[in-house]
Amino acid sequence: MLLQAPAGGTNWYSLVLMGGIFVVMYFFMIRPQQKKAKDQQKFVDDLKEGDQVVTIGGLHGKIVETTDKTVTLDVGRGMRLVFEKTAISRESSQRLAQ
């Protein structure tokens, strides 16, 4: 076997192995998820009028009004819809057809 515990040191070997697994899990799973959540929160906090955005549902629009918790999007032809700020997924790279 490749990973065999030395005689008499089984408890320490298991602890070191479990610690190593936790460290790998932290750096490859937990830390990137926390960074992504922090970046998304910063994006939502920085939303302002005139930004072209896409909602979680895929709706494209231009922000025409913001409050503490909501944004009003102009989605074309004068139609305006109100969304929670947390429903905004990303900034749109495409121009809306007028």
Protein backbone atom coordinates (compact mmCIF):
# COMPACT_ATOMS: atom_id res chain seq x y z
CA MET A 1 0.00 0.00 0.00
CA LEU A 2 1.09 3.49 -0.68
CA LEU A 3 -0.26 5.15 2.47
CA GLN A 4 0.49 2.93 5.41
CA ALA A 5 0.58 4.26 8.93
CA PRO A 6 3.76 3.51 10.86
CA ALA A 7 3.33 1.14 13.79
CA GLY A 8 2.35 2.92 17.00
CA GLY A 9 1.56 6.26 15.33
CA THR A 10 -1.88 5.55 13.95
CA ASN A 11 -3.68 8.34 15.83
CA TRP A 12 -1.25 11.09 14.82
CA TYR A 13 -1.13 9.91 11.24
CA SER A 14 -4.93 10.04 11.01
CA LEU A 15 -5.03 13.55 12.47
CA VAL A 16 -2.40 14.82 10.03
CA LEU A 17 -4.22 13.20 7.11
CA MET A 18 -7.57 14.73 8.14
CA GLY A 19 -5.91 18.13 8.61
CA GLY A 20 -4.39 17.91 5.13
CA ILE A 21 -7.76 17.06 3.61
CA PHE A 22 -9.34 20.07 5.35
CA VAL A 23 -6.60 22.43 4.13
CA VAL A 24 -7.01 21.22 0.52
CA MET A 25 -10.80 21.56 0.77
CA TYR A 26 -10.47 25.09 2.15
CA PHE A 27 -8.18 26.35 -0.62
CA PHE A 28 -10.02 24.67 -3.51
CA MET A 29 -13.67 24.95 -2.43
CA ILE A 30 -14.46 27.25 0.48
CA ARG A 31 -12.12 30.18 -0.19
CA PRO A 32 -13.07 30.68 -3.89
CA GLN A 33 -16.78 30.52 -2.96
CA GLN A 34 -16.32 33.20 -0.29
CA LYS A 35 -14.41 35.42 -2.74
CA LYS A 36 -17.13 35.06 -5.38
CA ALA A 37 -19.85 35.96 -2.86
CA LYS A 38 -17.87 39.00 -1.71
CA ASP A 39 -17.36 40.18 -5.32
CA GLN A 40 -21.09 39.74 -6.09
CA GLN A 41 -22.07 41.75 -2.98
CA LYS A 42 -19.67 44.55 -3.98
CA PHE A 43 -21.18 44.56 -7.51
CA VAL A 44 -24.73 44.81 -6.11
CA ASP A 45 -23.71 47.61 -3.73
CA ASP A 46 -22.11 49.59 -6.59
CA LEU A 47 -25.15 49.51 -8.93
CA LYS A 48 -26.06 52.96 -10.22
CA GLU A 49 -28.41 54.60 -12.69
CA GLY A 50 -27.42 54.08 -16.32
CA ASP A 51 -25.82 50.65 -15.82
CA GLN A 52 -26.80 47.98 -18.34
CA VAL A 53 -27.49 44.77 -16.36
CA VAL A 54 -28.85 41.23 -16.64
CA THR A 55 -31.10 39.71 -13.98
CA ILE A 56 -30.83 36.16 -12.66
CA GLY A 57 -33.76 35.27 -14.93
CA GLY A 58 -31.94 36.57 -18.01
CA LEU A 59 -33.82 39.87 -18.46
CA HIS A 60 -31.65 42.65 -19.92
CA GLY A 61 -32.30 46.25 -18.93
CA LYS A 62 -30.94 49.66 -18.04
CA ILE A 63 -31.13 50.91 -14.45
CA VAL A 64 -33.22 54.10 -14.28
CA GLU A 65 -33.75 54.30 -10.50
CA THR A 66 -32.22 52.72 -7.40
CA THR A 67 -33.24 52.51 -3.75
CA ASP A 68 -31.63 50.72 -0.81
CA LYS A 69 -33.08 47.33 -1.77
CA THR A 70 -34.56 47.67 -5.29
CA VAL A 71 -33.68 48.81 -8.79
CA THR A 72 -36.04 49.90 -11.55
CA LEU A 73 -35.05 48.64 -15.00
CA ASP A 74 -36.08 50.09 -18.34
CA VAL A 75 -36.45 46.97 -20.49
CA GLY A 76 -37.41 48.69 -23.74
CA ARG A 77 -40.26 50.73 -25.22
CA GLY A 78 -40.69 52.61 -21.95
CA MET A 79 -41.55 49.49 -19.94
CA ARG A 80 -40.13 49.65 -16.44
CA LEU A 81 -39.88 46.77 -13.99
CA VAL A 82 -38.82 46.80 -10.33
CA PHE A 83 -36.42 44.12 -9.08
CA GLU A 84 -34.63 43.36 -5.83
CA LYS A 85 -30.95 44.32 -6.06
CA THR A 86 -30.02 40.74 -5.26
CA ALA A 87 -31.78 39.63 -8.48
CA ILE A 88 -29.19 41.44 -10.59
CA SER A 89 -26.72 38.86 -11.85
CA ARG A 90 -24.15 40.73 -13.88
CA GLU A 91 -23.40 43.75 -16.03
CA SER A 92 -24.58 43.45 -19.62
CA SER A 93 -22.00 43.62 -22.37
CA GLN A 94 -24.64 43.96 -25.09
CA ARG A 95 -26.56 47.10 -26.05
CA LEU A 96 -30.34 47.01 -25.80
CA ALA A 97 -32.32 47.50 -29.01
CA GLN A 98 -34.28 50.76 -28.72
